[in-house]
Amino acid sequence: MYDKLQQFKLIPVLRKVPYSVCEELVKSLKKGGIQAVEITMDSDRAADMIKIVKKQNEGQLLVGAGTVLTLESCEEAIAAGAEFIVSPSLNLDVVRKCLEKNIPVIPGVFTPTEMQLAYSEGAEIVKLFPASSLGPKFIKDVKGPLSHIRIMTTGGISLNTAKSYIEAGAEIIGVGSELIRKEWLLSKDWEAIMNEAIKWNNSLT
């Protein structure tokens, strides 16, 4: 599963997306070439969204849970069917629970020490967050001594800067409002979201 996630390079983050539009949103992302999505647990009816999106896209799309801050939230996400777990911070209880359940976990880190700690606990990919505060050069530098750790970057990354993170050594880009823009959600402009997903995918190839 970790290898499959790494192949996708781009994972849209569905943060506080209304439940009523989640199905259409995911359809538009899929048409734009997206193969995995992260639904944040601070969204209204997050567990329900995970269930419905997974049910309707079984075998076509990986559905993960994001903003998993607590063990309770982790257990709720796994019970809903989340296929991977992402956190903005390093909670070792969450990491251990995911390993116990054989669910890939991508904990949030900000320092080399946190990166190595997460890896030593069994997390094969870590989430560098907020990535824009550190920049691509940090990834290139840290990949020297920590080349064994795979990195997902999220936070403040734009269409213009995304590829620089991949070139610096990141394996996955997580992106929210820069791809799923609020005005497009409000107007239900699914074609615009599809086209933006295509742009993002093309920028990383």
C-alpha atoms as a PDB file:
ATOM      1  CA  MET A   1       0.000   0.000   0.000  1.00  0.00           C
ATOM      2  CA  TYR A   2       2.854   2.404   0.782  1.00  0.00           C
ATOM      3  CA  ASP A   3       4.335   1.675  -2.653  1.00  0.00           C
ATOM      4  CA  LYS A   4       0.967   2.243  -4.317  1.00  0.00           C
ATOM      5  CA  LEU A   5       0.524   5.599  -2.566  1.00  0.00           C
ATOM      6  CA  GLN A   6       3.999   6.682  -3.636  1.00  0.00           C
ATOM      7  CA  GLN A   7       3.214   5.926  -7.281  1.00  0.00           C
ATOM      8  CA  PHE A   8       0.330   8.411  -7.300  1.00  0.00           C
ATOM      9  CA  LYS A   9       2.474  11.464  -6.383  1.00  0.00           C
ATOM     10  CA  LEU A  10      -0.597  13.680  -5.895  1.00  0.00           C
ATOM     11  CA  ILE A  11      -3.216  13.265  -3.146  1.00  0.00           C
ATOM     12  CA  PRO A  12      -5.992  15.890  -2.933  1.00  0.00           C
ATOM     13  CA  VAL A  13      -7.036  16.792   0.604  1.00  0.00           C
ATOM     14  CA  LEU A  14     -10.799  17.114   1.086  1.00  0.00           C
ATOM     15  CA  ARG A  15     -10.917  19.445   4.087  1.00  0.00           C
ATOM     16  CA  LYS A  16     -14.338  20.456   5.444  1.00  0.00           C
ATOM     17  CA  VAL A  17     -15.999  19.610   2.146  1.00  0.00           C
ATOM     18  CA  PRO A  18     -19.815  19.436   2.537  1.00  0.00           C
ATOM     19  CA  TYR A  19     -21.073  15.861   2.584  1.00  0.00           C
ATOM     20  CA  SER A  20     -23.710  16.781  -0.006  1.00  0.00           C
ATOM     21  CA  VAL A  21     -21.093  17.391  -2.711  1.00  0.00           C
ATOM     22  CA  CYS A  22     -18.432  14.831  -1.849  1.00  0.00           C
ATOM     23  CA  GLU A  23     -19.574  12.282  -4.430  1.00  0.00           C
ATOM     24  CA  GLU A  24     -19.572  14.758  -7.337  1.00  0.00           C
ATOM     25  CA  LEU A  25     -16.271  16.212  -6.188  1.00  0.00           C
ATOM     26  CA  VAL A  26     -14.598  12.822  -6.161  1.00  0.00           C
ATOM     27  CA  LYS A  27     -16.013  12.021  -9.604  1.00  0.00           C
ATOM     28  CA  SER A  28     -14.442  15.191 -10.999  1.00  0.00           C
ATOM     29  CA  LEU A  29     -11.106  14.424  -9.342  1.00  0.00           C
ATOM     30  CA  LYS A  30     -11.107  10.912 -10.785  1.00  0.00           C
ATOM     31  CA  LYS A  31     -11.792  12.299 -14.252  1.00  0.00           C
ATOM     32  CA  GLY A  32      -8.748  14.488 -13.707  1.00  0.00           C
ATOM     33  CA  GLY A  33      -6.579  11.434 -13.104  1.00  0.00           C
ATOM     34  CA  ILE A  34      -6.637  11.336  -9.294  1.00  0.00           C
ATOM     35  CA  GLN A  35      -6.239   7.866  -7.761  1.00  0.00           C
ATOM     36  CA  ALA A  36      -6.224   8.625  -4.033  1.00  0.00           C
ATOM     37  CA  VAL A  37      -7.949  11.163  -1.787  1.00  0.00           C
ATOM     38  CA  GLU A  38      -7.570  12.190   1.839  1.00  0.00           C
ATOM     39  CA  ILE A  39     -10.747  13.122   3.729  1.00  0.00           C
ATOM     40  CA  THR A  40      -9.948  15.097   6.874  1.00  0.00           C
ATOM     41  CA  MET A  41     -11.528  14.034  10.129  1.00  0.00           C
ATOM     42  CA  ASP A  42     -12.366  17.631  11.067  1.00  0.00           C
ATOM     43  CA  SER A  43     -14.943  17.640   8.248  1.00  0.00           C
ATOM     44  CA  ASP A  44     -18.640  17.367   9.011  1.00  0.00           C
ATOM     45  CA  ARG A  45     -19.688  13.709   8.666  1.00  0.00           C
ATOM     46  CA  ALA A  46     -16.133  12.692   7.811  1.00  0.00           C
ATOM     47  CA  ALA A  47     -16.712   9.030   8.609  1.00  0.00           C
ATOM     48  CA  ASP A  48     -19.814   8.967   6.405  1.00  0.00           C
ATOM     49  CA  MET A  49     -17.851  10.548   3.571  1.00  0.00           C
ATOM     50  CA  ILE A  50     -15.125   7.932   3.862  1.00  0.00           C
ATOM     51  CA  LYS A  51     -17.736   5.160   3.766  1.00  0.00           C
ATOM     52  CA  ILE A  52     -19.641   6.458   0.734  1.00  0.00           C
ATOM     53  CA  VAL A  53     -16.580   7.442  -1.305  1.00  0.00           C
ATOM     54  CA  LYS A  54     -14.939   4.088  -0.648  1.00  0.00           C
ATOM     55  CA  LYS A  55     -18.110   2.142  -1.462  1.00  0.00           C
ATOM     56  CA  GLN A  56     -18.628   3.935  -4.762  1.00  0.00           C
ATOM     57  CA  ASN A  57     -14.986   3.740  -5.846  1.00  0.00           C
ATOM     58  CA  GLU A  58     -13.878   0.311  -4.630  1.00  0.00           C
ATOM     59  CA  GLY A  59     -10.836  -0.803  -6.572  1.00  0.00           C
ATOM     60  CA  GLN A  60     -10.604   2.519  -8.424  1.00  0.00           C
ATOM     61  CA  LEU A  61      -9.568   4.985  -5.737  1.00  0.00           C
ATOM     62  CA  LEU A  62      -7.716   4.793  -2.428  1.00  0.00           C
ATOM     63  CA  VAL A  63      -9.583   6.591   0.338  1.00  0.00           C
ATOM     64  CA  GLY A  64      -7.658   7.819   3.351  1.00  0.00           C
ATOM     65  CA  ALA A  65      -8.361   9.894   6.441  1.00  0.00           C
ATOM     66  CA  GLY A  66      -6.459  13.074   7.278  1.00  0.00           C
ATOM     67  CA  THR A  67      -6.078  15.367  10.291  1.00  0.00           C
ATOM     68  CA  VAL A  68      -6.109  12.315  12.537  1.00  0.00           C
ATOM     69  CA  LEU A  69      -4.982  13.847  15.827  1.00  0.00           C
ATOM     70  CA  THR A  70      -6.109  11.324  18.418  1.00  0.00           C
ATOM     71  CA  LEU A  71      -6.364   7.592  18.927  1.00  0.00           C
ATOM     72  CA  GLU A  72     -10.154   7.922  19.019  1.00  0.00           C
ATOM     73  CA  SER A  73     -10.204   9.724  15.673  1.00  0.00           C
ATOM     74  CA  CYS A  74      -7.903   7.076  14.237  1.00  0.00           C
ATOM     75  CA  GLU A  75     -10.172   4.259  15.362  1.00  0.00           C
ATOM     76  CA  GLU A  76     -13.210   6.061  13.917  1.00  0.00           C
ATOM     77  CA  ALA A  77     -11.477   6.508  10.566  1.00  0.00           C
ATOM     78  CA  ILE A  78     -10.379   2.871  10.399  1.00  0.00           C
ATOM     79  CA  ALA A  79     -13.872   1.696  11.329  1.00  0.00           C
ATOM     80  CA  ALA A  80     -15.259   3.820   8.477  1.00  0.00           C
ATOM     81  CA  GLY A  81     -12.932   2.037   6.045  1.00  0.00           C
ATOM     82  CA  ALA A  82     -10.005   4.437   5.665  1.00  0.00           C
ATOM     83  CA  GLU A  83      -7.226   2.728   3.712  1.00  0.00           C
ATOM     84  CA  PHE A  84      -4.486   5.016   4.998  1.00  0.00           C
ATOM     85  CA  ILE A  85      -4.146   7.501   7.844  1.00  0.00           C
ATOM     86  CA  VAL A  86      -2.487  10.945   7.683  1.00  0.00           C
ATOM     87  CA  SER A  87      -1.724  13.264  10.608  1.00  0.00           C
ATOM     88  CA  PRO A  88      -0.328  16.815  10.800  1.00  0.00           C
ATOM     89  CA  SER A  89       1.659  15.851  13.894  1.00  0.00           C
ATOM     90  CA  LEU A  90       3.444  12.855  15.370  1.00  0.00           C
ATOM     91  CA  ASN A  91       1.195  10.862  17.682  1.00  0.00           C
ATOM     92  CA  LEU A  92       2.896   7.553  18.436  1.00  0.00           C
ATOM     93  CA  ASP A  93      -0.326   6.001  19.710  1.00  0.00           C
ATOM     94  CA  VAL A  94      -1.880   6.630  16.297  1.00  0.00           C
ATOM     95  CA  VAL A  95       1.152   5.150  14.539  1.00  0.00           C
ATOM     96  CA  ARG A  96       1.040   2.025  16.704  1.00  0.00           C
ATOM     97  CA  LYS A  97      -2.711   1.568  16.265  1.00  0.00           C
ATOM     98  CA  CYS A  98      -2.348   1.724  12.480  1.00  0.00           C
ATOM     99  CA  LEU A  99       0.470  -0.812  12.526  1.00  0.00           C
ATOM    100  CA  GLU A 100      -1.640  -3.067  14.730  1.00  0.00           C
ATOM    101  CA  LYS A 101      -4.475  -2.845  12.177  1.00  0.00           C
ATOM    102  CA  ASN A 102      -2.085  -3.120   9.196  1.00  0.00           C
ATOM    103  CA  ILE A 103      -3.121   0.326   7.909  1.00  0.00           C
ATOM    104  CA  PRO A 104      -0.470   2.581   6.305  1.00  0.00           C
ATOM    105  CA  VAL A 105       0.145   5.661   8.449  1.00  0.00           C
ATOM    106  CA  ILE A 106       1.757   8.943   7.405  1.00  0.00           C
ATOM    107  CA  PRO A 107       2.442  10.992  10.551  1.00  0.00           C
ATOM    108  CA  GLY A 108       3.289  14.690  10.476  1.00  0.00           C
ATOM    109  CA  VAL A 109       6.886  15.717  11.178  1.00  0.00           C
ATOM    110  CA  PHE A 110       8.920  18.897  11.063  1.00  0.00           C
ATOM    111  CA  THR A 111      12.457  17.908  12.121  1.00  0.00           C
ATOM    112  CA  PRO A 112      14.956  15.158  11.261  1.00  0.00           C
ATOM    113  CA  THR A 113      14.545  13.819  14.794  1.00  0.00           C
ATOM    114  CA  GLU A 114      10.788  13.448  14.346  1.00  0.00           C
ATOM    115  CA  MET A 115      11.314  11.881  10.933  1.00  0.00           C
ATOM    116  CA  GLN A 116      13.623   9.206  12.292  1.00  0.00           C
ATOM    117  CA  LEU A 117      11.412   8.585  15.337  1.00  0.00           C
ATOM    118  CA  ALA A 118       8.355   8.071  13.139  1.00  0.00           C
ATOM    119  CA  TYR A 119      10.306   5.740  10.875  1.00  0.00           C
ATOM    120  CA  SER A 120      11.709   3.750  13.798  1.00  0.00           C
ATOM    121  CA  GLU A 121       8.135   3.232  15.022  1.00  0.00           C
ATOM    122  CA  GLY A 122       7.169   1.748  11.650  1.00  0.00           C
ATOM    123  CA  ALA A 123       5.918   4.652   9.518  1.00  0.00           C
ATOM    124  CA  GLU A 124       7.402   4.134   6.054  1.00  0.00           C
ATOM    125  CA  ILE A 125       6.281   7.557   4.803  1.00  0.00           C
ATOM    126  CA  VAL A 126       6.224  10.770   6.835  1.00  0.00           C
ATOM    127  CA  LYS A 127       4.355  13.989   6.140  1.00  0.00           C
ATOM    128  CA  LEU A 128       6.520  17.093   6.192  1.00  0.00           C
ATOM    129  CA  PHE A 129       4.172  19.791   7.460  1.00  0.00           C
ATOM    130  CA  PRO A 130       3.894  22.678   6.876  1.00  0.00           C
ATOM    131  CA  ALA A 131       6.165  22.054   3.915  1.00  0.00           C
ATOM    132  CA  SER A 132       6.291  25.631   2.629  1.00  0.00           C
ATOM    133  CA  SER A 133       7.869  26.794   5.903  1.00  0.00           C
ATOM    134  CA  LEU A 134      10.875  24.579   5.180  1.00  0.00           C
ATOM    135  CA  GLY A 135      10.951  24.514   1.380  1.00  0.00           C
ATOM    136  CA  PRO A 136      12.388  22.064  -1.160  1.00  0.00           C
ATOM    137  CA  LYS A 137      15.995  22.670  -0.065  1.00  0.00           C
ATOM    138  CA  PHE A 138      15.245  21.205   3.362  1.00  0.00           C
ATOM    139  CA  ILE A 139      14.044  18.000   1.700  1.00  0.00           C
ATOM    140  CA  LYS A 140      17.144  17.779  -0.471  1.00  0.00           C
ATOM    141  CA  ASP A 141      19.417  18.340   2.541  1.00  0.00           C
ATOM    142  CA  VAL A 142      17.657  15.916   4.867  1.00  0.00           C
ATOM    143  CA  LYS A 143      17.458  13.221   2.201  1.00  0.00           C
ATOM    144  CA  GLY A 144      21.231  12.891   2.406  1.00  0.00           C
ATOM    145  CA  PRO A 145      21.455  11.202   5.809  1.00  0.00           C
ATOM    146  CA  LEU A 146      17.802  10.093   5.852  1.00  0.00           C
ATOM    147  CA  SER A 147      17.467   8.709   2.333  1.00  0.00           C
ATOM    148  CA  HIS A 148      15.656   5.646   3.708  1.00  0.00           C
ATOM    149  CA  ILE A 149      12.634   7.749   4.726  1.00  0.00           C
ATOM    150  CA  ARG A 150       9.971   8.551   2.146  1.00  0.00           C
ATOM    151  CA  ILE A 151       8.409  12.009   2.352  1.00  0.00           C
ATOM    152  CA  MET A 152       4.968  13.424   1.635  1.00  0.00           C
ATOM    153  CA  THR A 153       4.781  17.219   1.629  1.00  0.00           C
ATOM    154  CA  THR A 154       1.663  19.225   2.491  1.00  0.00           C
ATOM    155  CA  GLY A 155       0.976  22.842   3.364  1.00  0.00           C
ATOM    156  CA  GLY A 156       1.350  25.949   1.241  1.00  0.00           C
ATOM    157  CA  ILE A 157       2.354  24.168  -1.978  1.00  0.00           C
ATOM    158  CA  SER A 158       1.131  25.700  -5.236  1.00  0.00           C
ATOM    159  CA  LEU A 159       0.876  24.446  -8.793  1.00  0.00           C
ATOM    160  CA  ASN A 160       4.030  26.416  -9.616  1.00  0.00           C
ATOM    161  CA  THR A 161       6.115  25.036  -6.753  1.00  0.00           C
ATOM    162  CA  ALA A 162       4.887  21.430  -6.563  1.00  0.00           C
ATOM    163  CA  LYS A 163       7.411  19.912  -8.937  1.00  0.00           C
ATOM    164  CA  SER A 164      10.331  21.485  -7.064  1.00  0.00           C
ATOM    165  CA  TYR A 165       9.405  19.389  -4.018  1.00  0.00           C
ATOM    166  CA  ILE A 166       9.355  16.199  -6.093  1.00  0.00           C
ATOM    167  CA  GLU A 167      12.690  17.115  -7.677  1.00  0.00           C
ATOM    168  CA  ALA A 168      14.126  17.713  -4.200  1.00  0.00           C
ATOM    169  CA  GLY A 169      13.197  14.190  -3.121  1.00  0.00           C
ATOM    170  CA  ALA A 170       9.574  14.201  -1.930  1.00  0.00           C
ATOM    171  CA  GLU A 171       7.530  11.247  -3.139  1.00  0.00           C
ATOM    172  CA  ILE A 172       3.997  12.611  -2.632  1.00  0.00           C
ATOM    173  CA  ILE A 173       2.358  16.031  -2.704  1.00  0.00           C
ATOM    174  CA  GLY A 174      -0.752  16.608  -0.610  1.00  0.00           C
ATOM    175  CA  VAL A 175      -2.836  19.572  -1.755  1.00  0.00           C
ATOM    176  CA  GLY A 176      -6.089  21.093  -0.540  1.00  0.00           C
ATOM    177  CA  SER A 177      -7.517  24.502  -1.393  1.00  0.00           C
ATOM    178  CA  GLU A 178      -4.988  25.177  -4.154  1.00  0.00           C
ATOM    179  CA  LEU A 179      -6.655  22.384  -6.115  1.00  0.00           C
ATOM    180  CA  ILE A 180     -10.154  22.170  -4.611  1.00  0.00           C
ATOM    181  CA  ARG A 181     -10.967  25.855  -4.580  1.00  0.00           C
ATOM    182  CA  LYS A 182     -13.788  27.074  -2.391  1.00  0.00           C
ATOM    183  CA  GLU A 183     -15.430  29.111  -5.152  1.00  0.00           C
ATOM    184  CA  TRP A 184     -15.583  26.038  -7.400  1.00  0.00           C
ATOM    185  CA  LEU A 185     -17.180  23.994  -4.645  1.00  0.00           C
ATOM    186  CA  LEU A 186     -19.761  26.690  -3.985  1.00  0.00           C
ATOM    187  CA  SER A 187     -20.641  26.998  -7.676  1.00  0.00           C
ATOM    188  CA  LYS A 188     -20.335  23.219  -8.199  1.00  0.00           C
ATOM    189  CA  ASP A 189     -17.961  23.796 -11.078  1.00  0.00           C
ATOM    190  CA  TRP A 190     -16.824  20.182 -11.387  1.00  0.00           C
ATOM    191  CA  GLU A 191     -15.234  20.743 -14.785  1.00  0.00           C
ATOM    192  CA  ALA A 192     -12.922  23.405 -13.334  1.00  0.00           C
ATOM    193  CA  ILE A 193     -11.824  21.012 -10.586  1.00  0.00           C
ATOM    194  CA  MET A 194     -11.273  18.231 -13.115  1.00  0.00           C
ATOM    195  CA  ASN A 195      -9.151  20.508 -15.300  1.00  0.00           C
ATOM    196  CA  GLU A 196      -7.148  21.689 -12.280  1.00  0.00           C
ATOM    197  CA  ALA A 197      -6.448  18.086 -11.296  1.00  0.00           C
ATOM    198  CA  ILE A 198      -5.175  17.432 -14.812  1.00  0.00           C
ATOM    199  CA  LYS A 199      -2.880  20.471 -14.546  1.00  0.00           C
ATOM    200  CA  TRP A 200      -1.484  19.303 -11.206  1.00  0.00           C
ATOM    201  CA  ASN A 201      -0.876  15.774 -12.496  1.00  0.00           C
ATOM    202  CA  ASN A 202       0.833  17.089 -15.614  1.00  0.00           C
ATOM    203  CA  SER A 203       3.046  19.396 -13.547  1.00  0.00           C
ATOM    204  CA  LEU A 204       4.471  16.433 -11.644  1.00  0.00           C
ATOM    205  CA  THR A 205       5.370  14.286 -14.645  1.00  0.00           C
END
